[in-house]
N, C-alpha and C. Protein backbone atom coordinates (compact mmCIF):
# COMPACT_ATOMS: atom_id res chain seq x y z
N MET A 1 -172.05 98.82 64.33
CA MET A 1 -171.23 98.29 65.40
C MET A 1 -171.94 97.08 66.01
N THR A 2 -171.21 96.02 66.26
CA THR A 2 -171.79 94.83 66.88
C THR A 2 -171.60 94.89 68.38
N THR A 3 -172.49 94.22 69.07
CA THR A 3 -172.33 94.15 70.52
C THR A 3 -171.34 93.05 70.84
N GLU A 4 -170.77 93.10 72.02
CA GLU A 4 -169.71 92.18 72.38
C GLU A 4 -170.16 91.26 73.50
N LYS A 5 -169.86 89.99 73.36
CA LYS A 5 -170.04 89.05 74.47
C LYS A 5 -168.68 88.94 75.15
N ARG A 6 -168.61 89.38 76.37
CA ARG A 6 -167.33 89.43 77.05
C ARG A 6 -166.87 88.06 77.52
N THR A 7 -165.58 87.86 77.45
CA THR A 7 -164.96 86.69 78.03
C THR A 7 -164.02 87.20 79.11
N PRO A 8 -163.60 86.34 80.04
CA PRO A 8 -162.73 86.82 81.12
C PRO A 8 -161.45 87.48 80.62
N ARG A 9 -160.94 87.06 79.49
CA ARG A 9 -159.69 87.60 78.99
C ARG A 9 -159.88 88.82 78.09
N ALA A 10 -161.11 89.08 77.65
CA ALA A 10 -161.36 90.20 76.74
C ALA A 10 -162.34 91.15 77.39
N LYS A 11 -161.82 92.06 78.19
CA LYS A 11 -162.67 93.01 78.89
C LYS A 11 -162.57 94.37 78.22
N ALA A 12 -163.68 95.05 78.17
CA ALA A 12 -163.70 96.37 77.57
C ALA A 12 -163.14 97.40 78.55
N VAL A 13 -162.50 98.41 78.01
CA VAL A 13 -162.04 99.52 78.82
C VAL A 13 -163.26 100.33 79.20
N LYS A 14 -163.34 100.78 80.46
CA LYS A 14 -164.51 101.50 80.94
C LYS A 14 -164.87 102.68 80.04
N ASN A 15 -166.15 102.82 79.80
CA ASN A 15 -166.72 103.93 79.05
C ASN A 15 -166.25 104.02 77.60
N ARG A 16 -165.74 102.93 77.04
CA ARG A 16 -165.38 102.93 75.63
C ARG A 16 -166.23 101.89 74.91
N PRO A 17 -166.95 102.28 73.88
CA PRO A 17 -167.70 101.27 73.13
C PRO A 17 -166.71 100.32 72.45
N THR A 18 -167.09 99.06 72.33
CA THR A 18 -166.18 98.09 71.74
C THR A 18 -166.85 97.36 70.59
N LYS A 19 -166.02 96.76 69.77
CA LYS A 19 -166.51 95.92 68.68
C LYS A 19 -165.45 94.86 68.40
N ARG A 20 -165.85 93.83 67.73
CA ARG A 20 -164.90 92.80 67.33
C ARG A 20 -164.42 93.10 65.93
N VAL A 21 -163.15 93.07 65.72
CA VAL A 21 -162.59 93.27 64.40
C VAL A 21 -162.35 91.88 63.82
N THR A 22 -163.15 91.52 62.85
CA THR A 22 -163.05 90.18 62.30
C THR A 22 -163.41 90.20 60.83
N ALA A 23 -163.24 89.07 60.23
CA ALA A 23 -163.46 88.99 58.80
C ALA A 23 -164.93 88.85 58.43
N ARG A 24 -165.71 88.16 59.28
CA ARG A 24 -167.08 87.89 58.87
C ARG A 24 -167.99 87.74 60.08
N GLY A 25 -169.03 88.54 60.16
CA GLY A 25 -170.05 88.39 61.17
C GLY A 25 -169.56 88.40 62.60
N GLY A 26 -168.50 89.15 62.91
CA GLY A 26 -168.00 89.21 64.27
C GLY A 26 -167.03 88.09 64.62
N LYS A 27 -166.74 87.19 63.67
CA LYS A 27 -165.86 86.07 63.98
C LYS A 27 -164.99 85.73 62.78
N VAL A 28 -163.79 85.28 63.05
CA VAL A 28 -162.93 84.74 62.02
C VAL A 28 -163.01 83.24 62.17
N GLN A 29 -163.47 82.57 61.13
CA GLN A 29 -163.64 81.13 61.24
C GLN A 29 -162.64 80.42 60.35
N ALA A 30 -162.17 79.28 60.83
CA ALA A 30 -161.24 78.46 60.06
C ALA A 30 -161.51 77.00 60.39
N ARG A 31 -161.23 76.13 59.46
CA ARG A 31 -161.38 74.71 59.71
C ARG A 31 -160.00 74.07 59.60
N SER A 32 -159.64 73.31 60.62
CA SER A 32 -158.34 72.66 60.64
C SER A 32 -158.33 71.51 59.64
N SER A 33 -157.32 71.50 58.77
CA SER A 33 -157.23 70.42 57.81
C SER A 33 -156.80 69.13 58.50
N LYS A 34 -156.14 69.24 59.64
CA LYS A 34 -155.66 68.07 60.36
C LYS A 34 -156.78 67.38 61.14
N THR A 35 -157.56 68.16 61.91
CA THR A 35 -158.58 67.58 62.78
C THR A 35 -159.99 67.76 62.25
N GLY A 36 -160.19 68.71 61.34
CA GLY A 36 -161.52 68.98 60.84
C GLY A 36 -162.36 69.82 61.77
N LYS A 37 -161.77 70.25 62.91
CA LYS A 37 -162.51 71.06 63.87
C LYS A 37 -162.56 72.51 63.40
N ARG A 38 -163.68 73.14 63.67
CA ARG A 38 -163.84 74.55 63.33
C ARG A 38 -163.37 75.37 64.51
N THR A 39 -162.62 76.43 64.25
CA THR A 39 -162.17 77.32 65.31
C THR A 39 -162.68 78.72 65.02
N VAL A 40 -162.85 79.48 66.07
CA VAL A 40 -163.31 80.85 65.96
C VAL A 40 -162.31 81.73 66.69
N ALA A 41 -161.77 82.71 66.01
CA ALA A 41 -160.82 83.61 66.64
C ALA A 41 -161.51 84.94 66.90
N MET A 42 -161.28 85.49 68.09
CA MET A 42 -161.90 86.76 68.46
C MET A 42 -160.84 87.73 68.96
N LYS A 43 -160.95 88.98 68.52
CA LYS A 43 -160.06 90.02 68.99
C LYS A 43 -160.93 91.23 69.30
N THR A 44 -160.74 91.83 70.43
CA THR A 44 -161.57 92.95 70.83
C THR A 44 -160.74 94.23 70.81
N VAL A 45 -161.28 95.26 70.16
CA VAL A 45 -160.64 96.57 70.14
C VAL A 45 -161.71 97.62 70.37
N SER A 46 -161.30 98.77 70.87
CA SER A 46 -162.26 99.86 71.03
C SER A 46 -162.51 100.48 69.66
N THR A 47 -163.56 101.27 69.56
CA THR A 47 -163.90 101.86 68.26
C THR A 47 -162.85 102.84 67.77
N ASP A 48 -162.00 103.34 68.69
CA ASP A 48 -160.96 104.25 68.23
C ASP A 48 -159.69 103.50 67.83
N GLY A 49 -159.74 102.15 67.84
CA GLY A 49 -158.60 101.37 67.37
C GLY A 49 -157.67 100.89 68.47
N THR A 50 -157.91 101.24 69.72
CA THR A 50 -157.06 100.81 70.82
C THR A 50 -157.32 99.34 71.13
N ILE A 51 -156.26 98.57 71.30
CA ILE A 51 -156.43 97.17 71.64
C ILE A 51 -156.93 97.07 73.07
N VAL A 52 -158.03 96.35 73.27
CA VAL A 52 -158.60 96.18 74.60
C VAL A 52 -158.11 94.88 75.22
N SER A 53 -158.06 93.81 74.45
CA SER A 53 -157.51 92.57 75.00
C SER A 53 -156.06 92.47 74.55
N GLY A 54 -155.22 92.12 75.46
CA GLY A 54 -153.81 92.01 75.16
C GLY A 54 -153.05 91.82 76.43
N ASN A 55 -151.75 91.54 76.32
CA ASN A 55 -150.98 91.36 77.53
C ASN A 55 -150.39 92.70 77.97
N ARG A 56 -149.64 92.70 79.04
CA ARG A 56 -149.14 93.96 79.60
C ARG A 56 -148.20 94.70 78.67
N SER A 57 -147.53 93.97 77.81
CA SER A 57 -146.61 94.64 76.90
C SER A 57 -147.33 95.25 75.71
N GLY A 58 -148.64 95.05 75.63
CA GLY A 58 -149.42 95.64 74.54
C GLY A 58 -149.54 94.74 73.34
N ALA A 59 -148.93 93.54 73.39
CA ALA A 59 -149.05 92.63 72.26
C ALA A 59 -150.49 92.11 72.18
N LYS A 60 -150.93 91.87 70.98
CA LYS A 60 -152.30 91.43 70.77
C LYS A 60 -152.46 89.97 71.18
N ASN A 61 -153.54 89.69 71.90
CA ASN A 61 -153.91 88.31 72.22
C ASN A 61 -155.14 87.98 71.42
N VAL A 62 -155.12 86.85 70.77
CA VAL A 62 -156.28 86.38 70.06
C VAL A 62 -156.80 85.17 70.83
N ILE A 63 -158.06 85.19 71.17
CA ILE A 63 -158.67 84.08 71.87
C ILE A 63 -159.30 83.18 70.82
N VAL A 64 -158.86 81.94 70.77
CA VAL A 64 -159.38 80.99 69.81
C VAL A 64 -160.26 80.01 70.57
N SER A 65 -161.48 79.86 70.11
CA SER A 65 -162.45 78.96 70.74
C SER A 65 -162.66 77.76 69.83
N THR A 66 -162.49 76.56 70.39
CA THR A 66 -162.69 75.33 69.64
C THR A 66 -163.76 74.51 70.34
N GLY A 67 -164.83 74.21 69.66
CA GLY A 67 -165.89 73.40 70.25
C GLY A 67 -165.41 72.00 70.57
N VAL A 68 -165.90 71.45 71.67
CA VAL A 68 -165.60 70.08 72.05
C VAL A 68 -166.92 69.33 72.06
N ARG A 69 -166.99 68.25 71.30
CA ARG A 69 -168.22 67.49 71.15
C ARG A 69 -168.79 67.09 72.51
N GLY A 70 -170.04 67.49 72.74
CA GLY A 70 -170.74 67.11 73.96
C GLY A 70 -170.66 68.10 75.10
N LEU A 71 -169.71 69.03 75.06
CA LEU A 71 -169.55 69.99 76.16
C LEU A 71 -170.32 71.27 75.88
N LYS A 72 -170.97 71.80 76.91
CA LYS A 72 -171.69 73.07 76.79
C LYS A 72 -170.68 74.21 76.63
N GLY A 73 -171.15 75.30 76.09
CA GLY A 73 -170.30 76.48 75.97
C GLY A 73 -169.36 76.42 74.78
N GLN A 74 -168.27 77.14 74.91
CA GLN A 74 -167.32 77.26 73.80
C GLN A 74 -166.31 76.13 73.73
N GLY A 75 -166.26 75.26 74.72
CA GLY A 75 -165.31 74.15 74.69
C GLY A 75 -163.95 74.58 75.17
N LEU A 76 -162.98 74.58 74.27
CA LEU A 76 -161.62 74.97 74.61
C LEU A 76 -161.34 76.41 74.21
N LEU A 77 -160.69 77.15 75.10
CA LEU A 77 -160.23 78.49 74.78
C LEU A 77 -158.71 78.43 74.69
N GLN A 78 -158.15 79.09 73.70
CA GLN A 78 -156.71 79.13 73.56
C GLN A 78 -156.28 80.58 73.46
N VAL A 79 -155.40 80.98 74.37
CA VAL A 79 -154.79 82.31 74.34
C VAL A 79 -153.30 82.07 74.21
N GLY A 80 -152.76 82.46 73.07
CA GLY A 80 -151.35 82.15 72.81
C GLY A 80 -151.19 80.64 72.70
N GLN A 81 -150.28 80.09 73.51
CA GLN A 81 -150.04 78.65 73.49
C GLN A 81 -150.83 77.89 74.57
N VAL A 82 -151.54 78.61 75.44
CA VAL A 82 -152.24 78.01 76.56
C VAL A 82 -153.67 77.65 76.18
N LYS A 83 -154.03 76.37 76.37
CA LYS A 83 -155.39 75.90 76.11
C LYS A 83 -156.03 75.54 77.44
N LYS A 84 -157.29 75.97 77.62
CA LYS A 84 -158.04 75.63 78.82
C LYS A 84 -159.48 75.37 78.44
N LEU A 85 -160.13 74.49 79.20
CA LEU A 85 -161.57 74.35 79.05
C LEU A 85 -162.20 75.67 79.46
N GLU A 86 -163.24 76.06 78.75
CA GLU A 86 -163.87 77.37 78.99
C GLU A 86 -164.28 77.54 80.45
N LEU A 87 -164.95 76.55 81.01
CA LEU A 87 -165.43 76.68 82.39
C LEU A 87 -164.27 76.78 83.37
N ARG A 88 -163.23 76.02 83.16
CA ARG A 88 -162.04 76.09 84.04
C ARG A 88 -161.42 77.48 83.97
N ASP A 89 -161.39 78.05 82.77
CA ASP A 89 -160.85 79.40 82.60
C ASP A 89 -161.73 80.44 83.30
N ARG A 90 -163.03 80.33 83.14
CA ARG A 90 -163.93 81.30 83.75
C ARG A 90 -163.93 81.22 85.27
N LEU A 91 -163.74 80.01 85.81
CA LEU A 91 -163.66 79.86 87.27
C LEU A 91 -162.26 80.16 87.79
N GLY A 92 -161.28 80.27 86.89
CA GLY A 92 -159.92 80.59 87.30
C GLY A 92 -159.30 79.51 88.18
N MET A 93 -159.53 78.26 87.84
CA MET A 93 -159.08 77.15 88.68
C MET A 93 -157.95 76.37 88.02
N PRO A 94 -157.02 75.88 88.84
CA PRO A 94 -156.03 74.94 88.31
C PRO A 94 -156.70 73.61 88.00
N ARG A 95 -156.04 72.77 87.22
CA ARG A 95 -156.63 71.49 86.81
C ARG A 95 -157.03 70.63 88.01
N GLN A 96 -156.20 70.61 89.04
CA GLN A 96 -156.48 69.76 90.19
C GLN A 96 -157.81 70.13 90.85
N MET A 97 -158.03 71.42 91.11
CA MET A 97 -159.27 71.87 91.74
C MET A 97 -160.46 71.65 90.81
N PHE A 98 -160.28 71.96 89.53
CA PHE A 98 -161.37 71.77 88.57
C PHE A 98 -161.73 70.30 88.46
N GLY A 99 -160.73 69.43 88.52
CA GLY A 99 -160.97 67.99 88.48
C GLY A 99 -161.83 67.53 89.64
N ARG A 100 -161.65 68.15 90.81
CA ARG A 100 -162.49 67.83 91.97
C ARG A 100 -163.95 68.19 91.71
N ILE A 101 -164.16 69.32 91.05
CA ILE A 101 -165.53 69.77 90.80
C ILE A 101 -166.23 68.90 89.76
N VAL A 102 -165.51 68.49 88.72
CA VAL A 102 -166.15 67.70 87.66
C VAL A 102 -165.89 66.20 87.83
N ASN A 103 -165.26 65.81 88.94
CA ASN A 103 -165.07 64.41 89.31
C ASN A 103 -164.30 63.60 88.26
N VAL A 104 -163.23 64.19 87.73
CA VAL A 104 -162.33 63.46 86.84
C VAL A 104 -160.90 63.76 87.27
N ALA A 105 -159.99 62.91 86.84
CA ALA A 105 -158.58 63.09 87.19
C ALA A 105 -157.99 64.29 86.46
N GLU A 106 -157.00 64.87 87.08
CA GLU A 106 -156.27 66.01 86.49
C GLU A 106 -155.71 65.62 85.12
N ARG A 107 -155.25 64.39 85.01
CA ARG A 107 -154.68 63.90 83.75
C ARG A 107 -155.73 63.88 82.64
N THR A 108 -156.97 63.54 82.95
CA THR A 108 -158.05 63.52 81.96
C THR A 108 -158.28 64.93 81.41
N ILE A 109 -158.28 65.91 82.31
CA ILE A 109 -158.46 67.31 81.89
C ILE A 109 -157.30 67.72 80.99
N ALA A 110 -156.09 67.36 81.37
CA ALA A 110 -154.91 67.71 80.57
C ALA A 110 -155.01 67.09 79.17
N LYS A 111 -155.46 65.85 79.08
CA LYS A 111 -155.57 65.19 77.78
C LYS A 111 -156.64 65.85 76.91
N VAL A 112 -157.78 66.22 77.51
CA VAL A 112 -158.83 66.88 76.75
C VAL A 112 -158.34 68.25 76.27
N GLU A 113 -157.67 68.99 77.16
CA GLU A 113 -157.18 70.32 76.78
C GLU A 113 -156.09 70.26 75.72
N SER A 114 -155.30 69.20 75.71
CA SER A 114 -154.26 69.08 74.69
C SER A 114 -154.80 68.52 73.38
N GLY A 115 -156.02 67.97 73.44
CA GLY A 115 -156.63 67.41 72.23
C GLY A 115 -156.26 65.96 71.99
N SER A 116 -155.56 65.33 72.93
CA SER A 116 -155.14 63.94 72.72
C SER A 116 -156.18 62.92 73.18
N ALA A 117 -157.29 63.39 73.78
CA ALA A 117 -158.34 62.47 74.22
C ALA A 117 -159.71 63.13 74.04
N ASP A 118 -160.73 62.28 73.86
CA ASP A 118 -162.10 62.77 73.79
C ASP A 118 -162.57 63.16 75.18
N ALA A 119 -163.64 63.91 75.22
CA ALA A 119 -164.17 64.41 76.49
C ALA A 119 -165.27 63.50 77.04
N ASP A 120 -165.32 62.24 76.62
CA ASP A 120 -166.41 61.35 77.01
C ASP A 120 -166.61 61.26 78.52
N LYS A 121 -165.54 61.10 79.29
CA LYS A 121 -165.64 61.00 80.75
C LYS A 121 -166.09 62.31 81.39
N LEU A 122 -165.88 63.38 80.69
CA LEU A 122 -166.09 64.72 81.22
C LEU A 122 -167.48 65.28 80.93
N ILE A 123 -168.17 64.76 79.94
CA ILE A 123 -169.39 65.39 79.42
C ILE A 123 -170.45 65.62 80.49
N ARG A 124 -170.88 64.58 81.16
CA ARG A 124 -171.99 64.72 82.11
C ARG A 124 -171.66 65.66 83.28
N PRO A 125 -170.56 65.42 84.02
CA PRO A 125 -170.29 66.32 85.15
C PRO A 125 -169.95 67.75 84.72
N TYR A 126 -169.24 67.89 83.60
CA TYR A 126 -168.90 69.23 83.11
C TYR A 126 -170.16 70.01 82.79
N ASN A 127 -171.09 69.38 82.07
CA ASN A 127 -172.31 70.07 81.67
C ASN A 127 -173.17 70.44 82.87
N GLU A 128 -173.20 69.58 83.89
CA GLU A 128 -173.98 69.93 85.08
C GLU A 128 -173.37 71.11 85.81
N VAL A 129 -172.06 71.11 85.98
CA VAL A 129 -171.40 72.22 86.66
C VAL A 129 -171.51 73.49 85.81
N TYR A 130 -171.47 73.35 84.48
CA TYR A 130 -171.63 74.51 83.59
C TYR A 130 -173.01 75.12 83.78
N ARG A 131 -174.05 74.27 83.83
CA ARG A 131 -175.41 74.77 84.06
C ARG A 131 -175.52 75.46 85.42
N LEU A 132 -174.88 74.87 86.44
CA LEU A 132 -174.87 75.47 87.77
C LEU A 132 -174.17 76.83 87.73
N TRP A 133 -173.04 76.90 87.03
CA TRP A 133 -172.30 78.16 86.89
C TRP A 133 -173.16 79.21 86.20
N GLU A 134 -173.90 78.82 85.16
CA GLU A 134 -174.78 79.77 84.47
C GLU A 134 -175.88 80.27 85.41
N ALA A 135 -176.49 79.36 86.16
CA ALA A 135 -177.58 79.74 87.08
C ALA A 135 -177.06 80.66 88.18
N LEU A 136 -175.91 80.33 88.74
CA LEU A 136 -175.32 81.18 89.79
C LEU A 136 -174.88 82.52 89.21
N GLY A 137 -174.40 82.51 87.96
CA GLY A 137 -173.95 83.73 87.30
C GLY A 137 -175.08 84.73 87.07
N ASP A 138 -176.32 84.23 87.02
CA ASP A 138 -177.48 85.11 86.90
C ASP A 138 -177.79 85.81 88.23
N LEU A 139 -177.30 85.24 89.32
CA LEU A 139 -177.61 85.75 90.65
C LEU A 139 -176.48 86.59 91.26
N VAL A 140 -175.25 86.23 90.96
CA VAL A 140 -174.08 86.93 91.52
C VAL A 140 -173.06 87.18 90.41
N ASP A 141 -172.02 87.92 90.74
CA ASP A 141 -170.96 88.20 89.78
C ASP A 141 -170.25 86.90 89.39
N PRO A 142 -170.30 86.50 88.11
CA PRO A 142 -169.68 85.24 87.69
C PRO A 142 -168.19 85.15 88.01
N GLU A 143 -167.50 86.28 88.04
CA GLU A 143 -166.07 86.25 88.31
C GLU A 143 -165.75 85.88 89.75
N SER A 144 -166.73 85.97 90.64
CA SER A 144 -166.50 85.62 92.05
C SER A 144 -166.76 84.14 92.33
N LEU A 145 -167.30 83.41 91.37
CA LEU A 145 -167.71 82.03 91.61
C LEU A 145 -166.54 81.07 91.82
N GLY A 146 -165.41 81.31 91.17
CA GLY A 146 -164.25 80.44 91.37
C GLY A 146 -163.82 80.41 92.83
N LEU A 147 -163.76 81.56 93.45
CA LEU A 147 -163.40 81.66 94.87
C LEU A 147 -164.51 81.11 95.74
N TRP A 148 -165.77 81.36 95.37
CA TRP A 148 -166.91 80.89 96.15
C TRP A 148 -166.90 79.37 96.28
N PHE A 149 -166.57 78.66 95.19
CA PHE A 149 -166.53 77.21 95.22
C PHE A 149 -165.50 76.69 96.24
N GLN A 150 -164.49 77.49 96.55
CA GLN A 150 -163.39 77.06 97.41
C GLN A 150 -163.46 77.62 98.83
N THR A 151 -164.55 78.32 99.17
CA THR A 151 -164.69 78.97 100.46
C THR A 151 -165.73 78.24 101.32
N PRO A 152 -165.38 77.92 102.59
CA PRO A 152 -166.37 77.28 103.48
C PRO A 152 -167.63 78.13 103.57
N ASN A 153 -168.79 77.44 103.63
CA ASN A 153 -170.07 78.13 103.61
C ASN A 153 -170.96 77.57 104.72
N ASP A 154 -171.47 78.45 105.57
CA ASP A 154 -172.34 78.03 106.67
C ASP A 154 -173.61 77.34 106.17
N SER A 155 -174.08 77.71 104.99
CA SER A 155 -175.28 77.09 104.43
C SER A 155 -175.08 75.60 104.14
N PHE A 156 -173.83 75.18 104.03
CA PHE A 156 -173.51 73.78 103.76
C PHE A 156 -172.78 73.16 104.95
N ASP A 157 -173.16 73.58 106.15
CA ASP A 157 -172.57 73.07 107.39
C ASP A 157 -171.06 73.27 107.45
N GLY A 158 -170.59 74.40 106.94
CA GLY A 158 -169.17 74.72 106.97
C GLY A 158 -168.36 74.08 105.87
N LEU A 159 -168.99 73.31 105.00
CA LEU A 159 -168.27 72.71 103.87
C LEU A 159 -168.10 73.72 102.75
N LYS A 160 -167.06 73.49 101.95
CA LYS A 160 -166.89 74.28 100.73
C LYS A 160 -167.82 73.69 99.67
N PRO A 161 -168.37 74.52 98.77
CA PRO A 161 -169.21 73.97 97.70
C PRO A 161 -168.53 72.85 96.91
N VAL A 162 -167.21 72.93 96.70
CA VAL A 162 -166.51 71.86 95.99
C VAL A 162 -166.58 70.56 96.78
N GLU A 163 -166.55 70.64 98.10
CA GLU A 163 -166.66 69.44 98.94
C GLU A 163 -168.08 68.86 98.89
N VAL A 164 -169.07 69.73 98.81
CA VAL A 164 -170.46 69.29 98.67
C VAL A 164 -170.61 68.50 97.36
N ILE A 165 -170.02 69.01 96.29
CA ILE A 165 -170.07 68.32 94.99
C ILE A 165 -169.34 66.99 95.07
N GLU A 166 -168.16 66.97 95.71
CA GLU A 166 -167.40 65.72 95.84
C GLU A 166 -168.18 64.65 96.60
N ARG A 167 -168.99 65.05 97.55
CA ARG A 167 -169.81 64.11 98.32
C ARG A 167 -171.01 63.60 97.52
N GLY A 168 -171.20 64.12 96.31
CA GLY A 168 -172.33 63.71 95.49
C GLY A 168 -173.62 64.42 95.87
N GLU A 169 -173.50 65.58 96.50
CA GLU A 169 -174.68 66.31 96.99
C GLU A 169 -174.88 67.63 96.24
N ILE A 170 -174.67 67.62 94.93
CA ILE A 170 -174.82 68.84 94.14
C ILE A 170 -176.25 69.36 94.20
N ASP A 171 -177.20 68.48 94.55
CA ASP A 171 -178.58 68.92 94.68
C ASP A 171 -178.73 69.98 95.77
N ARG A 172 -177.86 69.99 96.77
CA ARG A 172 -177.90 71.03 97.80
C ARG A 172 -177.57 72.41 97.19
N LEU A 173 -176.66 72.42 96.22
CA LEU A 173 -176.34 73.68 95.54
C LEU A 173 -177.51 74.13 94.70
N TRP A 174 -178.16 73.17 94.00
CA TRP A 174 -179.33 73.51 93.19
C TRP A 174 -180.47 74.01 94.07
N ASP A 175 -180.64 73.44 95.27
CA ASP A 175 -181.66 73.93 96.21
C ASP A 175 -181.39 75.38 96.58
N MET A 176 -180.11 75.69 96.83
CA MET A 176 -179.74 77.05 97.18
C MET A 176 -180.05 78.01 96.02
N VAL A 177 -179.74 77.59 94.78
CA VAL A 177 -180.04 78.42 93.61
C VAL A 177 -181.54 78.67 93.52
N PHE A 178 -182.35 77.63 93.73
CA PHE A 178 -183.80 77.77 93.68
C PHE A 178 -184.28 78.77 94.74
N GLU A 179 -183.77 78.63 95.96
CA GLU A 179 -184.17 79.54 97.04
C GLU A 179 -183.78 80.99 96.73
N LEU A 180 -182.61 81.19 96.14
CA LEU A 180 -182.20 82.55 95.79
C LEU A 180 -183.05 83.11 94.64
N GLN A 181 -183.37 82.27 93.67
CA GLN A 181 -184.17 82.73 92.53
C GLN A 181 -185.61 83.09 92.93
N THR A 182 -186.16 82.31 93.84
CA THR A 182 -187.56 82.53 94.22
C THR A 182 -187.72 83.44 95.43
N GLY A 183 -186.62 83.71 96.13
CA GLY A 183 -186.70 84.57 97.32
C GLY A 183 -187.18 83.85 98.55
N MET A 184 -187.20 82.52 98.48
CA MET A 184 -187.62 81.73 99.65
C MET A 184 -186.54 81.77 100.71
N PRO A 185 -186.92 81.85 101.97
CA PRO A 185 -185.91 81.80 103.04
C PRO A 185 -185.30 80.41 103.12
N GLY A 186 -183.99 80.33 103.43
CA GLY A 186 -183.30 79.05 103.48
C GLY A 186 -183.30 78.36 104.75
């Protein structure tokens, strides 16, 4: 049995061991003849055969991950017909809010997610916020971070973390991460 790396859309049922049912090494891989991009499809089921990821009607959802050149993580996630950048999906944010965090227009995010544009404008800010998300995820529940970014915080003089980032002061967030990691008082 292989261990599972959980994604927000593929959660294991409590107290049931899980595995990925795939063709090779935990992943089904395919290369698009049109774009040449490699995709990885993942489906999670419990060891007794019960589908763990799926919609309410019980239909199977396959999460397809497509790497995007220059971006950290899995790049684009596709569930059914919906494509989202991995970090936007994990933070549970609409394009407009996510655009504020990575300092690009909503339209740029839409073009990258649809595959009609390269991620050149997105690479640097996306990767920095991704690293911040990883560091914060080591300290708190990663699923709570989307809401945290949008909530006023006394540590930032009543500003929301997204507003701190918009002001170009992401170093204040990194200082907070350092203080939490080392146990230093703030």
